[in-house]
Every structure is written in C-alpha cells, then in structure tokens.
Amino acid sequence: MLGLSTLGMLYLNAAMAASAKERNTRHVNAATSLVDEARDAVNLVKDVVGVHPSPSWQLRQLTERCGLRA
C-alpha cells in the first residue's frame, strides 16, 4: 500500500527534477507536467484508498474494500 509519505515523494521527485535543469520555458513546462502527474497520482490513490488521519484506519478500510478481514 502506498502511504501518503510515499506519495509525497512523487512531489519531491518532481521538484528535484525541476531544480536540476537549466531554467527555460521547455524545462519549466516539463517540470510542471511532472508535478501535475504527481498530483494526479496522489489524488487517484486518495480516491481509491480514502484518507483518514489514522494509518490503521486506512489499512482497515483498504482490507474491507478488498474483501479481506481486518
């Protein structure tokens, strides 16, 4: 299961990719695309798994959705 901290790494990766390049329009657009992809991935996982402050609640909710016993 992907945790929110793992998903946050998508944003970090996008930011690092953006800062590692020379700043010009093409690189900024490419970095923006990476950040947009990371945002979409985070939102998809949040929609599928659901978000709750307690990680144990997230795990319980996911196992129930998969038809498993928590």
PDB file of N, CA and C in Angstrom:
ATOM      1  N   MET A   1       0.847  -1.175   0.000  1.00  0.00           N
ATOM      2  CA  MET A   1       0.000   0.000   0.000  1.00  0.00           C
ATOM      3  C   MET A   1       0.892   1.237   0.000  1.00  0.00           C
ATOM      4  N   LEU A   2       0.531   2.165  -0.810  1.00  0.00           N
ATOM      5  CA  LEU A   2       1.269   3.420  -0.842  1.00  0.00           C
ATOM      6  C   LEU A   2       0.806   4.309   0.295  1.00  0.00           C
ATOM      7  N   GLY A   3       1.737   4.772   1.085  1.00  0.00           N
ATOM      8  CA  GLY A   3       1.402   5.714   2.141  1.00  0.00           C
ATOM      9  C   GLY A   3       1.474   7.129   1.615  1.00  0.00           C
ATOM     10  N   LEU A   4       0.897   8.033   2.366  1.00  0.00           N
ATOM     11  CA  LEU A   4       0.933   9.428   1.929  1.00  0.00           C
ATOM     12  C   LEU A   4       2.358   9.953   1.878  1.00  0.00           C
ATOM     13  N   SER A   5       3.240   9.445   2.755  1.00  0.00           N
ATOM     14  CA  SER A   5       4.631   9.898   2.690  1.00  0.00           C
ATOM     15  C   SER A   5       5.283   9.415   1.400  1.00  0.00           C
ATOM     16  N   THR A   6       4.918   8.202   0.958  1.00  0.00           N
ATOM     17  CA  THR A   6       5.432   7.702  -0.316  1.00  0.00           C
ATOM     18  C   THR A   6       4.928   8.568  -1.457  1.00  0.00           C
ATOM     19  N   LEU A   7       3.664   8.931  -1.405  1.00  0.00           N
ATOM     20  CA  LEU A   7       3.103   9.786  -2.447  1.00  0.00           C
ATOM     21  C   LEU A   7       3.748  11.160  -2.430  1.00  0.00           C
ATOM     22  N   GLY A   8       4.085  11.633  -1.245  1.00  0.00           N
ATOM     23  CA  GLY A   8       4.782  12.906  -1.142  1.00  0.00           C
ATOM     24  C   GLY A   8       6.128  12.874  -1.858  1.00  0.00           C
ATOM     25  N   MET A   9       6.717  11.687  -1.938  1.00  0.00           N
ATOM     26  CA  MET A   9       7.977  11.545  -2.653  1.00  0.00           C
ATOM     27  C   MET A   9       7.801  11.834  -4.146  1.00  0.00           C
ATOM     28  N   LEU A  10       6.594  11.608  -4.673  1.00  0.00           N
ATOM     29  CA  LEU A  10       6.343  11.970  -6.069  1.00  0.00           C
ATOM     30  C   LEU A  10       6.517  13.469  -6.271  1.00  0.00           C
ATOM     31  N   TYR A  11       5.996  14.252  -5.319  1.00  0.00           N
ATOM     32  CA  TYR A  11       6.162  15.704  -5.399  1.00  0.00           C
ATOM     33  C   TYR A  11       7.632  16.088  -5.260  1.00  0.00           C
ATOM     34  N   LEU A  12       8.318  15.442  -4.328  1.00  0.00           N
ATOM     35  CA  LEU A  12       9.730  15.742  -4.124  1.00  0.00           C
ATOM     36  C   LEU A  12      10.532  15.416  -5.380  1.00  0.00           C
ATOM     37  N   ASN A  13      10.235  14.280  -5.987  1.00  0.00           N
ATOM     38  CA  ASN A  13      10.925  13.891  -7.215  1.00  0.00           C
ATOM     39  C   ASN A  13      10.685  14.916  -8.320  1.00  0.00           C
ATOM     40  N   ALA A  14       9.458  15.371  -8.444  1.00  0.00           N
ATOM     41  CA  ALA A  14       9.141  16.377  -9.461  1.00  0.00           C
ATOM     42  C   ALA A  14       9.889  17.673  -9.187  1.00  0.00           C
ATOM     43  N   ALA A  15       9.949  18.072  -7.928  1.00  0.00           N
ATOM     44  CA  ALA A  15      10.656  19.306  -7.575  1.00  0.00           C
ATOM     45  C   ALA A  15      12.153  19.178  -7.844  1.00  0.00           C
ATOM     46  N   MET A  16      12.716  18.018  -7.518  1.00  0.00           N
ATOM     47  CA  MET A  16      14.144  17.812  -7.770  1.00  0.00           C
ATOM     48  C   MET A  16      14.436  17.817  -9.268  1.00  0.00           C
ATOM     49  N   ALA A  17      13.554  17.204 -10.044  1.00  0.00           N
ATOM     50  CA  ALA A  17      13.741  17.207 -11.497  1.00  0.00           C
ATOM     51  C   ALA A  17      13.688  18.626 -12.039  1.00  0.00           C
ATOM     52  N   ALA A  18      12.802  19.428 -11.478  1.00  0.00           N
ATOM     53  CA  ALA A  18      12.669  20.811 -11.938  1.00  0.00           C
ATOM     54  C   ALA A  18      13.902  21.632 -11.588  1.00  0.00           C
ATOM     55  N   SER A  19      14.453  21.427 -10.396  1.00  0.00           N
ATOM     56  CA  SER A  19      15.576  22.252  -9.967  1.00  0.00           C
ATOM     57  C   SER A  19      16.908  21.799 -10.563  1.00  0.00           C
ATOM     58  N   ALA A  20      16.953  20.592 -11.115  1.00  0.00           N
ATOM     59  CA  ALA A  20      18.203  20.072 -11.660  1.00  0.00           C
ATOM     60  C   ALA A  20      18.470  20.560 -13.079  1.00  0.00           C
ATOM     61  N   LYS A  21      17.515  21.201 -13.683  1.00  0.00           N
ATOM     62  CA  LYS A  21      17.644  21.626 -15.081  1.00  0.00           C
ATOM     63  C   LYS A  21      17.870  23.132 -15.176  1.00  0.00           C
ATOM     64  N   GLU A  22      18.473  23.522 -16.287  1.00  0.00           N
ATOM     65  CA  GLU A  22      18.593  24.947 -16.587  1.00  0.00           C
ATOM     66  C   GLU A  22      17.182  25.513 -16.748  1.00  0.00           C
ATOM     67  N   ARG A  23      16.963  26.708 -16.253  1.00  0.00           N
ATOM     68  CA  ARG A  23      15.618  27.275 -16.308  1.00  0.00           C
ATOM     69  C   ARG A  23      15.360  27.925 -17.664  1.00  0.00           C
ATOM     70  N   ASN A  24      14.489  27.289 -18.411  1.00  0.00           N
ATOM     71  CA  ASN A  24      13.982  27.867 -19.643  1.00  0.00           C
ATOM     72  C   ASN A  24      12.546  27.370 -19.798  1.00  0.00           C
ATOM     73  N   THR A  25      11.850  27.893 -20.763  1.00  0.00           N
ATOM     74  CA  THR A  25      10.425  27.585 -20.909  1.00  0.00           C
ATOM     75  C   THR A  25      10.175  26.094 -21.071  1.00  0.00           C
ATOM     76  N   ARG A  26      10.990  25.424 -21.852  1.00  0.00           N
ATOM     77  CA  ARG A  26      10.792  23.992 -22.101  1.00  0.00           C
ATOM     78  C   ARG A  26      10.958  23.183 -20.819  1.00  0.00           C
ATOM     79  N   HIS A  27      11.992  23.485 -20.033  1.00  0.00           N
ATOM     80  CA  HIS A  27      12.223  22.754 -18.794  1.00  0.00           C
ATOM     81  C   HIS A  27      11.155  23.061 -17.745  1.00  0.00           C
ATOM     82  N   VAL A  28      10.728  24.304 -17.675  1.00  0.00           N
ATOM     83  CA  VAL A  28       9.670  24.664 -16.720  1.00  0.00           C
ATOM     84  C   VAL A  28       8.374  23.944 -17.076  1.00  0.00           C
ATOM     85  N   ASN A  29       8.047  23.887 -18.358  1.00  0.00           N
ATOM     86  CA  ASN A  29       6.841  23.168 -18.783  1.00  0.00           C
ATOM     87  C   ASN A  29       6.944  21.679 -18.473  1.00  0.00           C
ATOM     88  N   ALA A  30       8.124  21.098 -18.682  1.00  0.00           N
ATOM     89  CA  ALA A  30       8.320  19.677 -18.374  1.00  0.00           C
ATOM     90  C   ALA A  30       8.193  19.427 -16.875  1.00  0.00           C
ATOM     91  N   ALA A  31       8.756  20.319 -16.063  1.00  0.00           N
ATOM     92  CA  ALA A  31       8.655  20.172 -14.611  1.00  0.00           C
ATOM     93  C   ALA A  31       7.209  20.322 -14.151  1.00  0.00           C
ATOM     94  N   THR A  32       6.491  21.251 -14.744  1.00  0.00           N
ATOM     95  CA  THR A  32       5.078  21.428 -14.411  1.00  0.00           C
ATOM     96  C   THR A  32       4.297  20.168 -14.735  1.00  0.00           C
ATOM     97  N   SER A  33       4.631  19.543 -15.833  1.00  0.00           N
ATOM     98  CA  SER A  33       3.976  18.293 -16.213  1.00  0.00           C
ATOM     99  C   SER A  33       4.250  17.202 -15.182  1.00  0.00           C
ATOM    100  N   LEU A  34       5.488  17.122 -14.681  1.00  0.00           N
ATOM    101  CA  LEU A  34       5.822  16.133 -13.651  1.00  0.00           C
ATOM    102  C   LEU A  34       5.028  16.374 -12.371  1.00  0.00           C
ATOM    103  N   VAL A  35       4.928  17.631 -11.973  1.00  0.00           N
ATOM    104  CA  VAL A  35       4.165  17.956 -10.766  1.00  0.00           C
ATOM    105  C   VAL A  35       2.687  17.626 -10.972  1.00  0.00           C
ATOM    106  N   ASP A  36       2.164  17.908 -12.151  1.00  0.00           N
ATOM    107  CA  ASP A  36       0.766  17.575 -12.445  1.00  0.00           C
ATOM    108  C   ASP A  36       0.533  16.067 -12.388  1.00  0.00           C
ATOM    109  N   GLU A  37       1.473  15.276 -12.920  1.00  0.00           N
ATOM    110  CA  GLU A  37       1.351  13.822 -12.859  1.00  0.00           C
ATOM    111  C   GLU A  37       1.390  13.340 -11.415  1.00  0.00           C
ATOM    112  N   ALA A  38       2.274  13.923 -10.605  1.00  0.00           N
ATOM    113  CA  ALA A  38       2.349  13.547  -9.193  1.00  0.00           C
ATOM    114  C   ALA A  38       1.043  13.881  -8.488  1.00  0.00           C
ATOM    115  N   ARG A  39       0.492  15.054  -8.769  1.00  0.00           N
ATOM    116  CA  ARG A  39      -0.784  15.444  -8.167  1.00  0.00           C
ATOM    117  C   ARG A  39      -1.884  14.463  -8.549  1.00  0.00           C
ATOM    118  N   ASP A  40      -1.935  14.095  -9.818  1.00  0.00           N
ATOM    119  CA  ASP A  40      -2.959  13.158 -10.274  1.00  0.00           C
ATOM    120  C   ASP A  40      -2.816  11.800  -9.597  1.00  0.00           C
ATOM    121  N   ALA A  41      -1.576  11.335  -9.430  1.00  0.00           N
ATOM    122  CA  ALA A  41      -1.349  10.049  -8.766  1.00  0.00           C
ATOM    123  C   ALA A  41      -1.781  10.111  -7.307  1.00  0.00           C
ATOM    124  N   VAL A  42      -1.443  11.194  -6.622  1.00  0.00           N
ATOM    125  CA  VAL A  42      -1.846  11.357  -5.222  1.00  0.00           C
ATOM    126  C   VAL A  42      -3.364  11.379  -5.114  1.00  0.00           C
ATOM    127  N   ASN A  43      -4.020  12.133  -5.971  1.00  0.00           N
ATOM    128  CA  ASN A  43      -5.483  12.216  -5.918  1.00  0.00           C
ATOM    129  C   ASN A  43      -6.138  10.881  -6.239  1.00  0.00           C
ATOM    130  N   LEU A  44      -5.568  10.125  -7.171  1.00  0.00           N
ATOM    131  CA  LEU A  44      -6.123   8.817  -7.507  1.00  0.00           C
ATOM    132  C   LEU A  44      -6.046   7.873  -6.314  1.00  0.00           C
ATOM    133  N   VAL A  45      -4.894   7.825  -5.672  1.00  0.00           N
ATOM    134  CA  VAL A  45      -4.744   6.942  -4.513  1.00  0.00           C
ATOM    135  C   VAL A  45      -5.649   7.399  -3.379  1.00  0.00           C
ATOM    136  N   LYS A  46      -5.752   8.699  -3.166  1.00  0.00           N
ATOM    137  CA  LYS A  46      -6.645   9.200  -2.120  1.00  0.00           C
ATOM    138  C   LYS A  46      -8.084   8.807  -2.407  1.00  0.00           C
ATOM    139  N   ASP A  47      -8.498   8.842  -3.675  1.00  0.00           N
ATOM    140  CA  ASP A  47      -9.862   8.462  -4.038  1.00  0.00           C
ATOM    141  C   ASP A  47     -10.100   6.974  -3.845  1.00  0.00           C
ATOM    142  N   VAL A  48      -9.115   6.150  -4.190  1.00  0.00           N
ATOM    143  CA  VAL A  48      -9.274   4.696  -4.097  1.00  0.00           C
ATOM    144  C   VAL A  48      -9.196   4.231  -2.650  1.00  0.00           C
ATOM    145  N   VAL A  49      -8.196   4.692  -1.927  1.00  0.00           N
ATOM    146  CA  VAL A  49      -7.955   4.223  -0.567  1.00  0.00           C
ATOM    147  C   VAL A  49      -8.763   5.017   0.445  1.00  0.00           C
ATOM    148  N   GLY A  50      -8.945   6.286   0.189  1.00  0.00           N
ATOM    149  CA  GLY A  50      -9.564   7.154   1.177  1.00  0.00           C
ATOM    150  C   GLY A  50      -8.483   7.688   2.104  1.00  0.00           C
ATOM    151  N   VAL A  51      -8.735   8.806   2.686  1.00  0.00           N
ATOM    152  CA  VAL A  51      -7.749   9.425   3.569  1.00  0.00           C
ATOM    153  C   VAL A  51      -8.378   9.649   4.927  1.00  0.00           C
ATOM    154  N   HIS A  52      -7.657   9.249   5.936  1.00  0.00           N
ATOM    155  CA  HIS A  52      -8.088   9.417   7.319  1.00  0.00           C
ATOM    156  C   HIS A  52      -6.825   9.653   8.130  1.00  0.00           C
ATOM    157  N   PRO A  53      -6.895  10.432   9.206  1.00  0.00           N
ATOM    158  CA  PRO A  53      -5.683  10.740   9.961  1.00  0.00           C
ATOM    159  C   PRO A  53      -4.952   9.511  10.508  1.00  0.00           C
ATOM    160  N   SER A  54      -5.663   8.423  10.761  1.00  0.00           N
ATOM    161  CA  SER A  54      -5.052   7.252  11.362  1.00  0.00           C
ATOM    162  C   SER A  54      -4.642   6.243  10.289  1.00  0.00           C
ATOM    163  N   PRO A  55      -3.346   5.918  10.198  1.00  0.00           N
ATOM    164  CA  PRO A  55      -2.921   4.927   9.207  1.00  0.00           C
ATOM    165  C   PRO A  55      -3.594   3.571   9.405  1.00  0.00           C
ATOM    166  N   SER A  56      -3.854   3.175  10.656  1.00  0.00           N
ATOM    167  CA  SER A  56      -4.507   1.887  10.889  1.00  0.00           C
ATOM    168  C   SER A  56      -5.921   1.905  10.322  1.00  0.00           C
ATOM    169  N   TRP A  57      -6.584   3.046  10.378  1.00  0.00           N
ATOM    170  CA  TRP A  57      -7.914   3.161   9.790  1.00  0.00           C
ATOM    171  C   TRP A  57      -7.841   3.005   8.276  1.00  0.00           C
ATOM    172  N   GLN A  58      -6.838   3.586   7.654  1.00  0.00           N
ATOM    173  CA  GLN A  58      -6.670   3.444   6.206  1.00  0.00           C
ATOM    174  C   GLN A  58      -6.469   1.982   5.833  1.00  0.00           C
ATOM    175  N   LEU A  59      -5.644   1.284   6.594  1.00  0.00           N
ATOM    176  CA  LEU A  59      -5.387  -0.118   6.304  1.00  0.00           C
ATOM    177  C   LEU A  59      -6.654  -0.940   6.479  1.00  0.00           C
ATOM    178  N   ARG A  60      -7.395  -0.687   7.538  1.00  0.00           N
ATOM    179  CA  ARG A  60      -8.648  -1.405   7.777  1.00  0.00           C
ATOM    180  C   ARG A  60      -9.629  -1.145   6.638  1.00  0.00           C
ATOM    181  N   GLN A  61      -9.745   0.102   6.232  1.00  0.00           N
ATOM    182  CA  GLN A  61     -10.657   0.469   5.148  1.00  0.00           C
ATOM    183  C   GLN A  61     -10.250  -0.209   3.843  1.00  0.00           C
ATOM    184  N   LEU A  62      -8.956  -0.264   3.558  1.00  0.00           N
ATOM    185  CA  LEU A  62      -8.479  -0.906   2.336  1.00  0.00           C
ATOM    186  C   LEU A  62      -8.750  -2.405   2.365  1.00  0.00           C
ATOM    187  N   THR A  63      -8.499  -3.060   3.488  1.00  0.00           N
ATOM    188  CA  THR A  63      -8.729  -4.503   3.559  1.00  0.00           C
ATOM    189  C   THR A  63     -10.204  -4.824   3.399  1.00  0.00           C
ATOM    190  N   GLU A  64     -11.074  -3.987   3.955  1.00  0.00           N
ATOM    191  CA  GLU A  64     -12.511  -4.210   3.791  1.00  0.00           C
ATOM    192  C   GLU A  64     -12.921  -4.045   2.332  1.00  0.00           C
ATOM    193  N   ARG A  65     -12.365  -3.066   1.646  1.00  0.00           N
ATOM    194  CA  ARG A  65     -12.691  -2.862   0.226  1.00  0.00           C
ATOM    195  C   ARG A  65     -12.205  -4.025  -0.631  1.00  0.00           C
ATOM    196  N   CYS A  66     -11.146  -4.680  -0.188  1.00  0.00           N
ATOM    197  CA  CYS A  66     -10.614  -5.829  -0.932  1.00  0.00           C
ATOM    198  C   CYS A  66     -11.309  -7.129  -0.533  1.00  0.00           C
ATOM    199  N   GLY A  67     -12.254  -7.058   0.402  1.00  0.00           N
ATOM    200  CA  GLY A  67     -12.972  -8.249   0.835  1.00  0.00           C
ATOM    201  C   GLY A  67     -12.197  -9.096   1.822  1.00  0.00           C
ATOM    202  N   LEU A  68     -11.215  -8.515   2.486  1.00  0.00           N
ATOM    203  CA  LEU A  68     -10.414  -9.245   3.465  1.00  0.00           C
ATOM    204  C   LEU A  68     -10.866  -8.876   4.867  1.00  0.00           C
ATOM    205  N   ARG A  69     -10.458  -9.675   5.827  1.00  0.00           N
ATOM    206  CA  ARG A  69     -10.769  -9.344   7.224  1.00  0.00           C
ATOM    207  C   ARG A  69      -9.677  -8.460   7.787  1.00  0.00           C
ATOM    208  N   ALA A  70     -10.095  -7.444   8.494  1.00  0.00           N
ATOM    209  CA  ALA A  70      -9.122  -6.526   9.098  1.00  0.00           C
ATOM    210  C   ALA A  70      -8.666  -7.063  10.430  1.00  0.00           C
TER     211      ALA A  70
END
